[in-house]
Amino acid sequence: MDMQKQGRYLPRQWLTNLTNDVFLSIWYDWKNDGPDPHEREHNFGTVYPDLTPKPAYHAVQTLTRELAGYAIAERLPMERSQDWVLVLTNQTGETKLAAWTLEPPRAVTLVVEGPQPPDGWRLVEGTGQTRRLEPDQNRLRLELEAMPRYISLGRGRIRR
């Protein structure tokens, strides 16, 4: 498996397991077992033998940083079952989304009710890059990709 695919699969595994009440996820392996790129057993890790991070490491680092203190409230019903949009909330009433698709990238539009943060919604790519999303009225146009993305809505809520 190539490193980019591994980086997409690991956070999706953890989020899917949490959604389905699987509270322990094991990823084999934390560290590559060796340096040979052609030996399968040497390449399952999230870091190289010298501890240099691989994309999967950065993906998990982003997931844990972005979703610390949040719990999954629900998986939104989407038009396509291959599209995943998880709604997460914390104890202060803030909402985040974790979103991805198992299909080729595509856009979806969600309606957000409630107050918008003064500087707009914040999107964090699965690799850690951050950007602001400008609301169009109360509509959030979201590009779903294979790598989960995290969207901070402040106190906004998704309208059904």
N, C-alpha and C. Protein backbone atom coordinates (compact mmCIF):
# COMPACT_ATOMS: atom_id res chain seq x y z
N MET A 1 0.84 -1.17 0.00
CA MET A 1 0.00 0.00 0.00
C MET A 1 0.89 1.24 0.00
N ASP A 2 0.53 2.19 -0.82
CA ASP A 2 1.36 3.39 -0.86
C ASP A 2 1.10 4.27 0.37
N MET A 3 2.04 5.14 0.66
CA MET A 3 1.98 5.95 1.88
C MET A 3 0.78 6.88 1.92
N GLN A 4 0.38 7.45 0.77
CA GLN A 4 -0.76 8.36 0.75
C GLN A 4 -2.05 7.62 1.08
N LYS A 5 -2.19 6.42 0.53
CA LYS A 5 -3.39 5.63 0.82
C LYS A 5 -3.44 5.25 2.30
N GLN A 6 -2.31 4.87 2.85
CA GLN A 6 -2.23 4.54 4.27
C GLN A 6 -2.67 5.76 5.10
N GLY A 7 -2.23 6.94 4.68
CA GLY A 7 -2.59 8.18 5.38
C GLY A 7 -4.08 8.48 5.31
N ARG A 8 -4.76 8.01 4.29
CA ARG A 8 -6.21 8.19 4.19
C ARG A 8 -6.95 7.13 5.01
N TYR A 9 -6.44 5.91 4.99
CA TYR A 9 -7.13 4.80 5.64
C TYR A 9 -7.11 4.88 7.17
N LEU A 10 -6.01 5.28 7.75
CA LEU A 10 -5.90 5.25 9.21
C LEU A 10 -6.94 6.14 9.90
N PRO A 11 -7.08 7.42 9.56
CA PRO A 11 -8.11 8.21 10.25
C PRO A 11 -9.52 7.73 9.93
N ARG A 12 -9.75 7.23 8.71
CA ARG A 12 -11.08 6.71 8.38
C ARG A 12 -11.39 5.48 9.22
N GLN A 13 -10.38 4.62 9.46
CA GLN A 13 -10.61 3.45 10.31
C GLN A 13 -11.02 3.89 11.70
N TRP A 14 -10.26 4.80 12.28
CA TRP A 14 -10.55 5.24 13.65
C TRP A 14 -11.92 5.89 13.75
N LEU A 15 -12.25 6.77 12.81
CA LEU A 15 -13.54 7.46 12.86
C LEU A 15 -14.71 6.49 12.62
N THR A 16 -14.54 5.56 11.70
CA THR A 16 -15.59 4.58 11.44
C THR A 16 -15.78 3.69 12.67
N ASN A 17 -14.69 3.26 13.27
CA ASN A 17 -14.79 2.43 14.47
C ASN A 17 -15.48 3.18 15.61
N LEU A 18 -15.13 4.44 15.83
CA LEU A 18 -15.79 5.22 16.88
C LEU A 18 -17.28 5.39 16.60
N THR A 19 -17.62 5.60 15.35
CA THR A 19 -19.03 5.75 14.97
C THR A 19 -19.82 4.48 15.30
N ASN A 20 -19.15 3.34 15.21
CA ASN A 20 -19.81 2.06 15.44
C ASN A 20 -19.50 1.48 16.82
N ASP A 21 -19.11 2.34 17.75
CA ASP A 21 -18.85 1.95 19.15
C ASP A 21 -17.75 0.92 19.30
N VAL A 22 -16.77 0.94 18.41
CA VAL A 22 -15.57 0.12 18.57
C VAL A 22 -14.56 1.03 19.26
N PHE A 23 -14.34 0.81 20.52
CA PHE A 23 -13.55 1.74 21.32
C PHE A 23 -12.06 1.44 21.35
N LEU A 24 -11.62 0.39 20.71
CA LEU A 24 -10.20 0.10 20.63
C LEU A 24 -9.87 -0.23 19.18
N SER A 25 -8.99 0.57 18.60
CA SER A 25 -8.53 0.33 17.24
C SER A 25 -7.04 0.07 17.28
N ILE A 26 -6.63 -0.97 16.62
CA ILE A 26 -5.21 -1.31 16.57
C ILE A 26 -4.73 -1.13 15.14
N TRP A 27 -3.66 -0.40 14.98
CA TRP A 27 -3.06 -0.19 13.67
C TRP A 27 -1.70 -0.87 13.68
N TYR A 28 -1.51 -1.77 12.76
CA TYR A 28 -0.25 -2.48 12.66
C TYR A 28 0.54 -1.83 11.54
N ASP A 29 1.43 -1.05 11.90
CA ASP A 29 2.43 -1.02 12.92
C ASP A 29 2.70 0.45 13.25
N TRP A 30 3.19 0.73 14.41
CA TRP A 30 3.53 2.11 14.73
C TRP A 30 4.76 2.56 13.94
N LYS A 31 5.76 1.69 13.88
CA LYS A 31 7.02 2.03 13.21
C LYS A 31 7.35 0.96 12.18
N ASN A 32 7.84 1.40 11.01
CA ASN A 32 8.30 0.43 10.01
C ASN A 32 9.31 -0.51 10.64
N ASP A 33 9.24 -1.78 10.27
CA ASP A 33 10.13 -2.79 10.85
C ASP A 33 11.51 -2.81 10.22
N GLY A 34 11.65 -2.17 9.07
CA GLY A 34 12.95 -2.18 8.41
C GLY A 34 12.98 -1.19 7.27
N PRO A 35 14.12 -1.12 6.56
CA PRO A 35 14.30 -0.10 5.52
C PRO A 35 13.97 -0.54 4.09
N ASP A 36 13.64 -1.83 3.89
CA ASP A 36 13.45 -2.33 2.53
C ASP A 36 12.07 -1.95 2.00
N PRO A 37 12.01 -1.08 0.97
CA PRO A 37 10.70 -0.66 0.45
C PRO A 37 9.93 -1.78 -0.25
N HIS A 38 10.60 -2.87 -0.57
CA HIS A 38 9.95 -3.98 -1.28
C HIS A 38 9.52 -5.11 -0.34
N GLU A 39 9.88 -5.02 0.92
CA GLU A 39 9.49 -6.05 1.91
C GLU A 39 8.25 -5.54 2.65
N ARG A 40 7.12 -6.21 2.44
CA ARG A 40 5.85 -5.76 3.04
C ARG A 40 5.98 -5.50 4.54
N GLU A 41 6.55 -6.44 5.26
CA GLU A 41 6.63 -6.31 6.72
C GLU A 41 7.44 -5.10 7.17
N HIS A 42 8.22 -4.53 6.29
CA HIS A 42 9.04 -3.37 6.65
C HIS A 42 8.28 -2.06 6.51
N ASN A 43 7.05 -2.07 6.00
CA ASN A 43 6.44 -0.82 5.56
C ASN A 43 5.05 -0.52 6.09
N PHE A 44 4.62 -1.17 7.15
CA PHE A 44 3.28 -0.94 7.69
C PHE A 44 3.22 0.21 8.68
N GLY A 45 4.32 0.74 9.11
CA GLY A 45 4.36 1.72 10.18
C GLY A 45 3.85 3.10 9.79
N THR A 46 3.60 3.90 10.83
CA THR A 46 3.22 5.31 10.63
C THR A 46 4.46 6.21 10.62
N VAL A 47 5.60 5.62 11.00
CA VAL A 47 6.88 6.34 10.93
C VAL A 47 7.91 5.38 10.35
N TYR A 48 8.98 5.96 9.79
CA TYR A 48 10.09 5.17 9.27
C TYR A 48 10.95 4.66 10.43
N PRO A 49 11.87 3.73 10.17
CA PRO A 49 12.72 3.22 11.25
C PRO A 49 13.47 4.32 12.02
N ASP A 50 13.80 5.44 11.35
CA ASP A 50 14.50 6.53 12.04
C ASP A 50 13.53 7.51 12.71
N LEU A 51 12.24 7.13 12.76
CA LEU A 51 11.14 7.88 13.39
C LEU A 51 10.68 9.11 12.59
N THR A 52 11.11 9.24 11.36
CA THR A 52 10.58 10.29 10.49
C THR A 52 9.12 9.97 10.20
N PRO A 53 8.22 10.93 10.39
CA PRO A 53 6.79 10.66 10.18
C PRO A 53 6.43 10.40 8.72
N LYS A 54 5.49 9.50 8.53
CA LYS A 54 4.89 9.22 7.24
C LYS A 54 3.53 9.94 7.19
N PRO A 55 2.86 10.02 6.04
CA PRO A 55 1.56 10.70 5.97
C PRO A 55 0.53 10.18 6.97
N ALA A 56 0.53 8.89 7.27
CA ALA A 56 -0.42 8.35 8.25
C ALA A 56 -0.20 8.96 9.63
N TYR A 57 1.04 9.19 9.99
CA TYR A 57 1.34 9.81 11.28
C TYR A 57 0.75 11.22 11.34
N HIS A 58 0.98 12.00 10.27
CA HIS A 58 0.44 13.37 10.23
C HIS A 58 -1.09 13.35 10.24
N ALA A 59 -1.70 12.37 9.57
CA ALA A 59 -3.15 12.28 9.53
C ALA A 59 -3.73 12.02 10.92
N VAL A 60 -3.10 11.12 11.67
CA VAL A 60 -3.57 10.83 13.03
C VAL A 60 -3.30 12.00 13.96
N GLN A 61 -2.16 12.64 13.79
CA GLN A 61 -1.84 13.82 14.59
C GLN A 61 -2.90 14.90 14.37
N THR A 62 -3.30 15.12 13.12
CA THR A 62 -4.32 16.11 12.82
C THR A 62 -5.66 15.70 13.42
N LEU A 63 -6.05 14.45 13.25
CA LEU A 63 -7.31 13.97 13.81
C LEU A 63 -7.36 14.18 15.32
N THR A 64 -6.34 13.75 16.02
CA THR A 64 -6.37 13.85 17.49
C THR A 64 -6.32 15.31 17.96
N ARG A 65 -5.60 16.16 17.25
CA ARG A 65 -5.55 17.58 17.62
C ARG A 65 -6.91 18.24 17.38
N GLU A 66 -7.50 17.99 16.23
CA GLU A 66 -8.75 18.64 15.86
C GLU A 66 -9.96 18.15 16.65
N LEU A 67 -9.97 16.88 17.01
CA LEU A 67 -11.17 16.32 17.63
C LEU A 67 -11.02 16.08 19.14
N ALA A 68 -9.92 16.54 19.73
CA ALA A 68 -9.74 16.41 21.18
C ALA A 68 -10.88 17.12 21.90
N GLY A 69 -11.53 16.43 22.80
CA GLY A 69 -12.63 17.02 23.57
C GLY A 69 -13.99 16.92 22.88
N TYR A 70 -14.02 16.38 21.66
CA TYR A 70 -15.27 16.23 20.92
C TYR A 70 -15.71 14.78 20.93
N ALA A 71 -17.02 14.57 20.85
CA ALA A 71 -17.58 13.22 20.74
C ALA A 71 -18.50 13.18 19.53
N ILE A 72 -18.55 12.03 18.90
CA ILE A 72 -19.42 11.87 17.74
C ILE A 72 -20.87 11.90 18.20
N ALA A 73 -21.65 12.82 17.64
CA ALA A 73 -23.07 12.91 17.95
C ALA A 73 -23.89 12.08 16.97
N GLU A 74 -23.48 12.14 15.69
CA GLU A 74 -24.22 11.38 14.68
C GLU A 74 -23.46 11.37 13.36
N ARG A 75 -23.87 10.44 12.53
CA ARG A 75 -23.45 10.45 11.13
C ARG A 75 -24.63 10.99 10.34
N LEU A 76 -24.39 12.06 9.59
CA LEU A 76 -25.48 12.64 8.81
C LEU A 76 -25.90 11.70 7.70
N PRO A 77 -27.20 11.56 7.49
CA PRO A 77 -27.64 10.79 6.32
C PRO A 77 -27.34 11.60 5.07
N MET A 78 -26.62 11.01 4.15
CA MET A 78 -26.24 11.69 2.92
C MET A 78 -26.92 11.00 1.74
N GLU A 79 -26.95 11.69 0.62
CA GLU A 79 -27.56 11.14 -0.59
C GLU A 79 -26.87 9.83 -0.99
N ARG A 80 -25.55 9.78 -0.84
CA ARG A 80 -24.79 8.58 -1.18
C ARG A 80 -24.21 7.97 0.09
N SER A 81 -24.37 6.66 0.22
CA SER A 81 -23.90 5.98 1.43
C SER A 81 -22.37 6.00 1.54
N GLN A 82 -21.68 6.26 0.43
CA GLN A 82 -20.22 6.31 0.45
C GLN A 82 -19.69 7.64 0.98
N ASP A 83 -20.57 8.62 1.18
CA ASP A 83 -20.18 9.92 1.73
C ASP A 83 -20.37 9.88 3.24
N TRP A 84 -19.35 10.28 3.95
CA TRP A 84 -19.36 10.29 5.40
C TRP A 84 -19.26 11.73 5.89
N VAL A 85 -20.23 12.16 6.68
CA VAL A 85 -20.17 13.44 7.38
C VAL A 85 -20.58 13.16 8.81
N LEU A 86 -19.60 13.22 9.70
CA LEU A 86 -19.84 13.00 11.12
C LEU A 86 -19.98 14.35 11.81
N VAL A 87 -20.98 14.46 12.68
CA VAL A 87 -21.17 15.66 13.49
C VAL A 87 -20.61 15.35 14.87
N LEU A 88 -19.71 16.21 15.32
CA LEU A 88 -19.09 16.04 16.64
C LEU A 88 -19.37 17.29 17.46
N THR A 89 -19.59 17.10 18.75
CA THR A 89 -19.83 18.24 19.64
C THR A 89 -18.94 18.12 20.87
N ASN A 90 -18.74 19.26 21.53
CA ASN A 90 -18.00 19.24 22.79
C ASN A 90 -18.89 19.77 23.91
N GLN A 91 -18.36 19.84 25.10
CA GLN A 91 -19.16 20.23 26.26
C GLN A 91 -19.55 21.70 26.27
N THR A 92 -18.87 22.51 25.47
CA THR A 92 -19.21 23.93 25.43
C THR A 92 -20.24 24.24 24.35
N GLY A 93 -20.72 23.21 23.63
CA GLY A 93 -21.74 23.41 22.62
C GLY A 93 -21.22 23.73 21.23
N GLU A 94 -19.92 23.57 21.02
CA GLU A 94 -19.36 23.81 19.69
C GLU A 94 -19.48 22.54 18.84
N THR A 95 -19.52 22.76 17.53
CA THR A 95 -19.70 21.66 16.59
C THR A 95 -18.55 21.61 15.60
N LYS A 96 -18.13 20.40 15.31
CA LYS A 96 -17.17 20.16 14.23
C LYS A 96 -17.72 19.04 13.36
N LEU A 97 -17.27 19.04 12.13
CA LEU A 97 -17.59 17.96 11.21
C LEU A 97 -16.31 17.24 10.84
N ALA A 98 -16.41 15.95 10.64
CA ALA A 98 -15.35 15.15 10.03
C ALA A 98 -15.99 14.58 8.78
N ALA A 99 -15.41 14.84 7.61
CA ALA A 99 -16.09 14.49 6.37
C ALA A 99 -15.12 13.91 5.35
N TRP A 100 -15.59 12.88 4.63
CA TRP A 100 -14.81 12.27 3.55
C TRP A 100 -15.75 11.45 2.67
N THR A 101 -15.23 10.97 1.57
CA THR A 101 -15.99 10.09 0.69
C THR A 101 -15.14 8.90 0.29
N LEU A 102 -15.80 7.81 -0.03
CA LEU A 102 -15.13 6.62 -0.54
C LEU A 102 -15.17 6.59 -2.06
N GLU A 103 -15.81 7.57 -2.65
CA GLU A 103 -15.93 7.70 -4.10
C GLU A 103 -14.96 8.77 -4.58
N PRO A 104 -14.92 9.03 -5.88
CA PRO A 104 -14.11 10.17 -6.35
C PRO A 104 -14.57 11.46 -5.68
N PRO A 105 -13.68 12.44 -5.55
CA PRO A 105 -14.04 13.70 -4.88
C PRO A 105 -15.30 14.32 -5.48
N ARG A 106 -16.10 14.91 -4.59
CA ARG A 106 -17.33 15.56 -5.02
C ARG A 106 -17.74 16.60 -3.99
N ALA A 107 -18.57 17.52 -4.41
CA ALA A 107 -19.03 18.58 -3.53
C ALA A 107 -20.42 18.25 -2.98
N VAL A 108 -20.63 18.62 -1.72
CA VAL A 108 -21.95 18.55 -1.11
C VAL A 108 -22.22 19.91 -0.47
N THR A 109 -23.47 20.23 -0.30
CA THR A 109 -23.85 21.48 0.35
C THR A 109 -24.67 21.15 1.58
N LEU A 110 -24.28 21.74 2.69
CA LEU A 110 -24.98 21.56 3.95
C LEU A 110 -25.50 22.92 4.41
N VAL A 111 -26.63 22.92 5.10
CA VAL A 111 -27.19 24.16 5.64
C VAL A 111 -26.86 24.21 7.12
N VAL A 112 -26.26 25.32 7.53
CA VAL A 112 -25.83 25.50 8.92
C VAL A 112 -26.72 26.56 9.56
N GLU A 113 -27.34 26.21 10.67
CA GLU A 113 -28.16 27.14 11.43
C GLU A 113 -27.39 27.64 12.63
N GLY A 114 -27.75 28.83 13.09
CA GLY A 114 -27.14 29.37 14.29
C GLY A 114 -26.04 30.36 13.97
N PRO A 115 -25.41 30.86 15.00
CA PRO A 115 -24.40 31.90 14.80
C PRO A 115 -23.18 31.38 14.06
N GLN A 116 -22.66 32.24 13.21
CA GLN A 116 -21.43 31.90 12.50
C GLN A 116 -20.27 32.58 13.21
N PRO A 117 -19.13 31.89 13.30
CA PRO A 117 -17.96 32.55 13.89
C PRO A 117 -17.65 33.83 13.11
N PRO A 118 -17.18 34.88 13.77
CA PRO A 118 -16.92 36.16 13.10
C PRO A 118 -15.99 36.04 11.90
N ASP A 119 -15.04 35.11 11.95
CA ASP A 119 -14.09 34.99 10.84
C ASP A 119 -14.41 33.79 9.95
N GLY A 120 -15.64 33.30 9.99
CA GLY A 120 -16.05 32.21 9.12
C GLY A 120 -15.73 30.84 9.70
N TRP A 121 -16.10 29.84 8.96
CA TRP A 121 -15.83 28.47 9.38
C TRP A 121 -14.39 28.11 9.03
N ARG A 122 -13.80 27.23 9.84
CA ARG A 122 -12.41 26.83 9.63
C ARG A 122 -12.37 25.39 9.15
N LEU A 123 -11.64 25.16 8.06
CA LEU A 123 -11.46 23.82 7.52
C LEU A 123 -10.01 23.42 7.72
N VAL A 124 -9.81 22.22 8.24
CA VAL A 124 -8.47 21.67 8.41
C VAL A 124 -8.39 20.42 7.56
N GLU A 125 -7.44 20.43 6.64
CA GLU A 125 -7.20 19.26 5.80
C GLU A 125 -6.66 18.14 6.68
N GLY A 126 -6.80 16.91 6.23
CA GLY A 126 -6.29 15.77 6.97
C GLY A 126 -4.79 15.81 7.18
N THR A 127 -4.10 16.60 6.38
CA THR A 127 -2.65 16.75 6.52
C THR A 127 -2.27 17.92 7.42
N GLY A 128 -3.26 18.66 7.92
CA GLY A 128 -3.00 19.73 8.88
C GLY A 128 -3.11 21.14 8.36
N GLN A 129 -3.16 21.36 7.05
CA GLN A 129 -3.28 22.72 6.52
C GLN A 129 -4.67 23.27 6.85
N THR A 130 -4.68 24.55 7.19
CA THR A 130 -5.92 25.21 7.62
C THR A 130 -6.28 26.33 6.66
N ARG A 131 -7.59 26.48 6.44
CA ARG A 131 -8.07 27.64 5.67
C ARG A 131 -9.48 27.99 6.15
N ARG A 132 -9.88 29.18 5.84
CA ARG A 132 -11.22 29.65 6.19
C ARG A 132 -12.18 29.38 5.05
N LEU A 133 -13.41 29.04 5.42
CA LEU A 133 -14.48 28.87 4.44
C LEU A 133 -15.44 30.03 4.60
N GLU A 134 -15.71 30.69 3.52
CA GLU A 134 -16.65 31.82 3.56
C GLU A 134 -18.07 31.29 3.41
N PRO A 135 -18.93 31.59 4.37
CA PRO A 135 -20.31 31.14 4.24
C PRO A 135 -21.02 31.85 3.10
N ASP A 136 -21.86 31.13 2.40
CA ASP A 136 -22.76 31.70 1.41
C ASP A 136 -24.13 31.66 2.05
N GLN A 137 -24.51 32.78 2.67
CA GLN A 137 -25.70 32.82 3.52
C GLN A 137 -25.43 31.83 4.65
N ASN A 138 -26.23 30.78 4.73
CA ASN A 138 -26.01 29.76 5.76
C ASN A 138 -25.65 28.42 5.12
N ARG A 139 -25.12 28.46 3.91
CA ARG A 139 -24.77 27.24 3.20
C ARG A 139 -23.26 26.99 3.26
N LEU A 140 -22.94 25.74 3.53
CA LEU A 140 -21.55 25.30 3.56
C LEU A 140 -21.34 24.37 2.38
N ARG A 141 -20.54 24.83 1.42
CA ARG A 141 -20.19 23.98 0.27
C ARG A 141 -18.90 23.28 0.64
N LEU A 142 -18.97 21.97 0.67
CA LEU A 142 -17.86 21.18 1.17
C LEU A 142 -17.43 20.18 0.11
N GLU A 143 -16.13 20.19 -0.19
CA GLU A 143 -15.56 19.21 -1.10
C GLU A 143 -15.19 17.97 -0.29
N LEU A 144 -15.82 16.85 -0.62
CA LEU A 144 -15.48 15.59 0.03
C LEU A 144 -14.38 14.92 -0.77
N GLU A 145 -13.37 14.44 -0.04
CA GLU A 145 -12.24 13.74 -0.65
C GLU A 145 -11.99 12.46 0.13
N ALA A 146 -11.03 11.68 -0.30
CA ALA A 146 -10.72 10.41 0.38
C ALA A 146 -10.14 10.62 1.77
N MET A 147 -9.41 11.71 1.96
CA MET A 147 -8.82 12.02 3.27
C MET A 147 -9.84 12.81 4.09
N PRO A 148 -10.11 12.40 5.32
CA PRO A 148 -11.03 13.19 6.14
C PRO A 148 -10.57 14.64 6.31
N ARG A 149 -11.54 15.53 6.34
CA ARG A 149 -11.32 16.95 6.60
C ARG A 149 -12.15 17.31 7.82
N TYR A 150 -11.73 18.32 8.53
CA TYR A 150 -12.38 18.72 9.78
C TYR A 150 -12.82 20.17 9.65
N ILE A 151 -14.09 20.42 9.94
CA ILE A 151 -14.66 21.75 9.77
C ILE A 151 -15.21 22.22 11.11
N SER A 152 -14.73 23.37 11.56
CA SER A 152 -15.21 23.96 12.81
C SER A 152 -16.35 24.91 12.49
N LEU A 153 -17.50 24.66 13.10
CA LEU A 153 -18.69 25.48 12.86
C LEU A 153 -19.00 26.40 14.02
N GLY A 154 -18.17 26.43 15.06
CA GLY A 154 -18.50 27.22 16.23
C GLY A 154 -19.76 26.64 16.87
N ARG A 155 -20.73 27.49 17.09
CA ARG A 155 -22.00 27.04 17.69
C ARG A 155 -23.07 26.73 16.65
N GLY A 156 -22.67 26.70 15.40
CA GLY A 156 -23.61 26.36 14.33
C GLY A 156 -24.02 24.91 14.37
N ARG A 157 -25.18 24.64 13.83
CA ARG A 157 -25.72 23.28 13.78
C ARG A 157 -26.17 22.99 12.34
N ILE A 158 -26.04 21.76 11.94
CA ILE A 158 -26.49 21.35 10.61
C ILE A 158 -28.01 21.19 10.62
N ARG A 159 -28.66 21.82 9.64
CA ARG A 159 -30.11 21.67 9.52
C ARG A 159 -30.40 20.42 8.72
N ARG A 160 -31.40 19.69 9.15
CA ARG A 160 -31.81 18.47 8.45
C ARG A 160 -32.75 18.80 7.33
